[in-house]
């Protein structure tokens, strides 16, 4: 089991949760997680040990976010395709994916992780410049990762009937009255 699979397991992501996470509201509001985490850690200056409250609320938000929104009526959006691509990436041992997407996945995840170094240093030292640098590096790499995953899904959606079944088009939704 690799780090990606461990993350999926830690978050308790099942088919139902993934379907909900494909909602653009879930994806875009998820981008608040790291800034909220930074704010919670920084709040130790004002709140002391009470900073654990916003920290725990942020962790709860990270876990709840993919579960709060209903599955989207159509899944043509960049956000939905990005989550589908993540699922394709996680399934790469069963259905192989092009090697360049494996490199993108690992490379951008490493880049995102490297962004945590200045971020953690900035939070430890209460240095806003290091904190913002790390935040931009980490979130920038994560955003790029989601974009690559959307492209991976576009490339792989016909490789497996399960993948194709995730796509729901606006025109089909309009015709069925859903």
Foldseek 3Di string as FASTA:
>chain_A
DDPLVVVCVVLVDDPQLLLQCLPVVLQVVLLCLLVQCLVLLLCCVVVPVCSVVSNVVSVVCNSCSSVPGHRDLFRPDLSNLLSLLSVCVVCCVVPPFDPVLVVLLVVLQVQLVVLVVLLVVCSVVVPVVSNVSSSCRNSVSVVVNSNSSSVRLVVCCPVDVVSVVSGDDPVNCVVVVD
